Amino acid sequence: AAPGSWLQYASKIVGPKAELVGVDLMPIKKLARNIVTLEADIFADDIIARTILLHPRKFNLILSDLAPKTSGIKTTDHARSIELNQRAAELSKDLLAPNGTLVLKIFQGGDFQYFLKKLKTTFESVKTFKPQASRGRSFEIYAICR
């Protein structure tokens, strides 16, 4: 999917009054008035400061559609997915509002249950969800953390 496709979908769901901020390694074309984008690496030391400059208030929802460039090697792709999602969870500690929700797209694999257990040490509730629209053989699953 093109950079910003989830952001565009989210904008349609929440409407024009909600403020959305998208972060991607690739440039995201201008999507709507209520969407601000940041071309950045989530592992950059200044990512929190740069995000706060765009949106000084904490977020009620962080929707992470992070995915590694896939190699075709399931264990490698899973490990990279876990690394990206660990970073998203780490960033949420500074950017998520109290009682906010973090949604993570994760590639399932050997460390999946351990990662969920770690999330449960930070969030009161961690549930998993696999959309019906997701292909049967896809190993993507979402963790919804509150």
C-alpha atoms as a PDB file:
ATOM      1  CA  ALA A   1       0.000   0.000   0.000  1.00  0.00           C
ATOM      2  CA  ALA A   2       1.098   3.544  -0.653  1.00  0.00           C
ATOM      3  CA  PRO A   3       2.435   5.653   2.217  1.00  0.00           C
ATOM      4  CA  GLY A   4      -0.534   7.289   3.908  1.00  0.00           C
ATOM      5  CA  SER A   5      -3.231   4.838   2.787  1.00  0.00           C
ATOM      6  CA  TRP A   6      -4.188   3.967   6.385  1.00  0.00           C
ATOM      7  CA  LEU A   7      -4.050   7.656   7.264  1.00  0.00           C
ATOM      8  CA  GLN A   8      -6.448   8.458   4.439  1.00  0.00           C
ATOM      9  CA  TYR A   9      -8.800   5.683   5.585  1.00  0.00           C
ATOM     10  CA  ALA A  10      -8.644   6.879   9.213  1.00  0.00           C
ATOM     11  CA  SER A  11      -9.462  10.420   8.110  1.00  0.00           C
ATOM     12  CA  LYS A  12     -12.630   9.201   6.399  1.00  0.00           C
ATOM     13  CA  ILE A  13     -13.661   7.360   9.583  1.00  0.00           C
ATOM     14  CA  VAL A  14     -13.033  10.160  12.110  1.00  0.00           C
ATOM     15  CA  GLY A  15     -14.092  13.074   9.926  1.00  0.00           C
ATOM     16  CA  PRO A  16     -12.631  16.502   9.200  1.00  0.00           C
ATOM     17  CA  LYS A  17     -12.643  17.817  12.787  1.00  0.00           C
ATOM     18  CA  ALA A  18     -10.172  15.243  14.083  1.00  0.00           C
ATOM     19  CA  GLU A  19      -6.464  15.975  13.792  1.00  0.00           C
ATOM     20  CA  LEU A  20      -4.258  13.258  12.343  1.00  0.00           C
ATOM     21  CA  VAL A  21      -0.484  13.032  12.192  1.00  0.00           C
ATOM     22  CA  GLY A  22       1.241  10.519   9.944  1.00  0.00           C
ATOM     23  CA  VAL A  23       4.881   9.469  10.149  1.00  0.00           C
ATOM     24  CA  ASP A  24       6.559   7.541   7.344  1.00  0.00           C
ATOM     25  CA  LEU A  25      10.039   7.006   5.933  1.00  0.00           C
ATOM     26  CA  MET A  26       8.621   7.865   2.520  1.00  0.00           C
ATOM     27  CA  PRO A  27       6.995  11.167   1.590  1.00  0.00           C
ATOM     28  CA  ILE A  28       3.214  11.159   1.976  1.00  0.00           C
ATOM     29  CA  LYS A  29       1.254  13.217  -0.519  1.00  0.00           C
ATOM     30  CA  LYS A  30      -1.075  15.865   0.924  1.00  0.00           C
ATOM     31  CA  LEU A  31      -4.267  14.004   1.805  1.00  0.00           C
ATOM     32  CA  ALA A  32      -6.624  16.344   3.668  1.00  0.00           C
ATOM     33  CA  ARG A  33      -6.620  19.564   5.700  1.00  0.00           C
ATOM     34  CA  ASN A  34      -6.785  17.736   9.015  1.00  0.00           C
ATOM     35  CA  ILE A  35      -3.759  15.533   8.226  1.00  0.00           C
ATOM     36  CA  VAL A  36      -0.187  16.593   8.944  1.00  0.00           C
ATOM     37  CA  THR A  37       2.659  14.339   7.875  1.00  0.00           C
ATOM     38  CA  LEU A  38       6.235  13.902   8.957  1.00  0.00           C
ATOM     39  CA  GLU A  39       8.830  12.173   6.791  1.00  0.00           C
ATOM     40  CA  ALA A  40      11.003  10.584   9.454  1.00  0.00           C
ATOM     41  CA  ASP A  41      12.512   7.430  10.901  1.00  0.00           C
ATOM     42  CA  ILE A  42      10.806   6.327  14.121  1.00  0.00           C
ATOM     43  CA  PHE A  43      14.217   5.308  15.448  1.00  0.00           C
ATOM     44  CA  ALA A  44      15.579   8.861  15.112  1.00  0.00           C
ATOM     45  CA  ASP A  45      16.559  10.462  18.429  1.00  0.00           C
ATOM     46  CA  ASP A  46      14.428  13.541  17.718  1.00  0.00           C
ATOM     47  CA  ILE A  47      11.236  11.772  16.610  1.00  0.00           C
ATOM     48  CA  ILE A  48       9.287  12.610  19.790  1.00  0.00           C
ATOM     49  CA  ALA A  49      10.289  16.291  19.688  1.00  0.00           C
ATOM     50  CA  ARG A  50       9.444  16.553  15.984  1.00  0.00           C
ATOM     51  CA  THR A  51       6.059  14.905  16.526  1.00  0.00           C
ATOM     52  CA  ILE A  52       5.234  17.207  19.454  1.00  0.00           C
ATOM     53  CA  LEU A  53       6.086  20.232  17.285  1.00  0.00           C
ATOM     54  CA  LEU A  54       3.411  19.114  14.828  1.00  0.00           C
ATOM     55  CA  HIS A  55       0.875  18.128  17.486  1.00  0.00           C
ATOM     56  CA  PRO A  56       1.603  19.449  21.005  1.00  0.00           C
ATOM     57  CA  ARG A  57      -1.249  17.521  22.643  1.00  0.00           C
ATOM     58  CA  LYS A  58      -1.062  13.834  23.457  1.00  0.00           C
ATOM     59  CA  PHE A  59      -2.851  11.454  21.107  1.00  0.00           C
ATOM     60  CA  ASN A  60      -6.048   9.591  22.010  1.00  0.00           C
ATOM     61  CA  LEU A  61      -5.156   6.951  19.433  1.00  0.00           C
ATOM     62  CA  ILE A  62      -1.908   5.815  17.894  1.00  0.00           C
ATOM     63  CA  LEU A  63      -2.532   3.536  14.932  1.00  0.00           C
ATOM     64  CA  SER A  64       0.683   1.841  13.875  1.00  0.00           C
ATOM     65  CA  ASP A  65       0.751   0.290  10.434  1.00  0.00           C
ATOM     66  CA  LEU A  66       4.510  -0.237  10.622  1.00  0.00           C
ATOM     67  CA  ALA A  67       5.854  -3.093   8.546  1.00  0.00           C
ATOM     68  CA  PRO A  68       9.390  -4.039   7.591  1.00  0.00           C
ATOM     69  CA  LYS A  69      10.485  -4.489   4.023  1.00  0.00           C
ATOM     70  CA  THR A  70       9.777  -8.172   3.734  1.00  0.00           C
ATOM     71  CA  SER A  71      12.551 -10.587   2.879  1.00  0.00           C
ATOM     72  CA  GLY A  72      10.364 -13.625   2.331  1.00  0.00           C
ATOM     73  CA  ILE A  73      12.009 -15.280   5.341  1.00  0.00           C
ATOM     74  CA  LYS A  74       9.206 -15.495   7.891  1.00  0.00           C
ATOM     75  CA  THR A  75      11.427 -15.518  11.000  1.00  0.00           C
ATOM     76  CA  THR A  76      13.414 -12.498   9.794  1.00  0.00           C
ATOM     77  CA  ASP A  77      10.295 -10.555   8.836  1.00  0.00           C
ATOM     78  CA  HIS A  78       8.716 -11.405  12.203  1.00  0.00           C
ATOM     79  CA  ALA A  79      11.797 -10.239  14.139  1.00  0.00           C
ATOM     80  CA  ARG A  80      11.839  -6.945  12.232  1.00  0.00           C
ATOM     81  CA  SER A  81       8.114  -6.482  12.837  1.00  0.00           C
ATOM     82  CA  ILE A  82       8.599  -7.021  16.580  1.00  0.00           C
ATOM     83  CA  GLU A  83      11.451  -4.483  16.601  1.00  0.00           C
ATOM     84  CA  LEU A  84       9.287  -1.851  14.878  1.00  0.00           C
ATOM     85  CA  ASN A  85       6.371  -2.491  17.210  1.00  0.00           C
ATOM     86  CA  GLN A  86       8.574  -2.351  20.305  1.00  0.00           C
ATOM     87  CA  ARG A  87       9.642   1.106  19.165  1.00  0.00           C
ATOM     88  CA  ALA A  88       6.026   2.174  18.562  1.00  0.00           C
ATOM     89  CA  ALA A  89       5.096   0.989  22.065  1.00  0.00           C
ATOM     90  CA  GLU A  90       8.102   2.832  23.503  1.00  0.00           C
ATOM     91  CA  LEU A  91       7.125   6.065  21.707  1.00  0.00           C
ATOM     92  CA  SER A  92       3.540   5.734  22.915  1.00  0.00           C
ATOM     93  CA  LYS A  93       4.740   6.208  26.500  1.00  0.00           C
ATOM     94  CA  ASP A  94       5.513   9.850  25.623  1.00  0.00           C
ATOM     95  CA  LEU A  95       2.873  10.510  22.977  1.00  0.00           C
ATOM     96  CA  LEU A  96      -0.280   8.658  24.069  1.00  0.00           C
ATOM     97  CA  ALA A  97      -2.860  10.393  26.260  1.00  0.00           C
ATOM     98  CA  PRO A  98      -3.954   8.745  29.521  1.00  0.00           C
ATOM     99  CA  ASN A  99      -6.598   6.123  28.680  1.00  0.00           C
ATOM    100  CA  GLY A 100      -5.508   6.317  25.031  1.00  0.00           C
ATOM    101  CA  THR A 101      -5.347   3.364  22.667  1.00  0.00           C
ATOM    102  CA  LEU A 102      -2.374   1.967  20.776  1.00  0.00           C
ATOM    103  CA  VAL A 103      -3.088  -0.311  17.811  1.00  0.00           C
ATOM    104  CA  LEU A 104      -0.148  -2.276  16.405  1.00  0.00           C
ATOM    105  CA  LYS A 105       0.066  -4.367  13.237  1.00  0.00           C
ATOM    106  CA  ILE A 106       2.340  -7.301  14.042  1.00  0.00           C
ATOM    107  CA  PHE A 107       3.666 -10.189  11.971  1.00  0.00           C
ATOM    108  CA  GLN A 108       3.033 -13.342  13.988  1.00  0.00           C
ATOM    109  CA  GLY A 109       5.934 -15.625  14.811  1.00  0.00           C
ATOM    110  CA  GLY A 110       7.970 -17.136  17.611  1.00  0.00           C
ATOM    111  CA  ASP A 111       8.240 -14.001  19.773  1.00  0.00           C
ATOM    112  CA  PHE A 112       4.623 -12.910  19.344  1.00  0.00           C
ATOM    113  CA  GLN A 113       3.294 -14.207  22.689  1.00  0.00           C
ATOM    114  CA  TYR A 114       6.323 -12.856  24.555  1.00  0.00           C
ATOM    115  CA  PHE A 115       5.803  -9.437  22.953  1.00  0.00           C
ATOM    116  CA  LEU A 116       2.124  -9.459  23.973  1.00  0.00           C
ATOM    117  CA  LYS A 117       3.184 -10.316  27.531  1.00  0.00           C
ATOM    118  CA  LYS A 118       5.541  -7.305  27.537  1.00  0.00           C
ATOM    119  CA  LEU A 119       2.731  -5.051  26.282  1.00  0.00           C
ATOM    120  CA  LYS A 120       0.557  -6.257  29.172  1.00  0.00           C
ATOM    121  CA  THR A 121       3.103  -4.834  31.633  1.00  0.00           C
ATOM    122  CA  THR A 122       2.439  -1.345  30.211  1.00  0.00           C
ATOM    123  CA  PHE A 123      -1.242  -1.475  29.235  1.00  0.00           C
ATOM    124  CA  GLU A 124      -4.277  -2.517  31.282  1.00  0.00           C
ATOM    125  CA  SER A 125      -5.788  -4.371  28.346  1.00  0.00           C
ATOM    126  CA  VAL A 126      -4.144  -6.020  25.339  1.00  0.00           C
ATOM    127  CA  LYS A 127      -6.378  -7.826  22.852  1.00  0.00           C
ATOM    128  CA  THR A 128      -5.613  -9.267  19.440  1.00  0.00           C
ATOM    129  CA  PHE A 129      -7.721  -8.937  16.323  1.00  0.00           C
ATOM    130  CA  LYS A 130      -7.403 -10.470  12.863  1.00  0.00           C
ATOM    131  CA  PRO A 131      -9.773  -8.783  10.404  1.00  0.00           C
ATOM    132  CA  GLN A 132     -11.949 -11.062   8.295  1.00  0.00           C
ATOM    133  CA  ALA A 133     -10.688  -9.194   5.242  1.00  0.00           C
ATOM    134  CA  SER A 134      -7.157 -10.349   6.081  1.00  0.00           C
ATOM    135  CA  ARG A 135      -6.057 -13.186   3.852  1.00  0.00           C
ATOM    136  CA  GLY A 136      -6.176 -16.580   5.513  1.00  0.00           C
ATOM    137  CA  ARG A 137      -2.475 -17.225   5.047  1.00  0.00           C
ATOM    138  CA  SER A 138      -1.442 -13.701   6.084  1.00  0.00           C
ATOM    139  CA  PHE A 139       0.442 -13.660   9.359  1.00  0.00           C
ATOM    140  CA  GLU A 140      -0.515 -10.058  10.178  1.00  0.00           C
ATOM    141  CA  ILE A 141      -2.521  -9.536  13.339  1.00  0.00           C
ATOM    142  CA  TYR A 142      -3.399  -6.428  15.318  1.00  0.00           C
ATOM    143  CA  ALA A 143      -2.817  -5.815  19.012  1.00  0.00           C
ATOM    144  CA  ILE A 144      -5.208  -3.317  20.591  1.00  0.00           C
ATOM    145  CA  CYS A 145      -3.671  -1.870  23.747  1.00  0.00           C
ATOM    146  CA  ARG A 146      -5.516   0.311  26.252  1.00  0.00           C
END
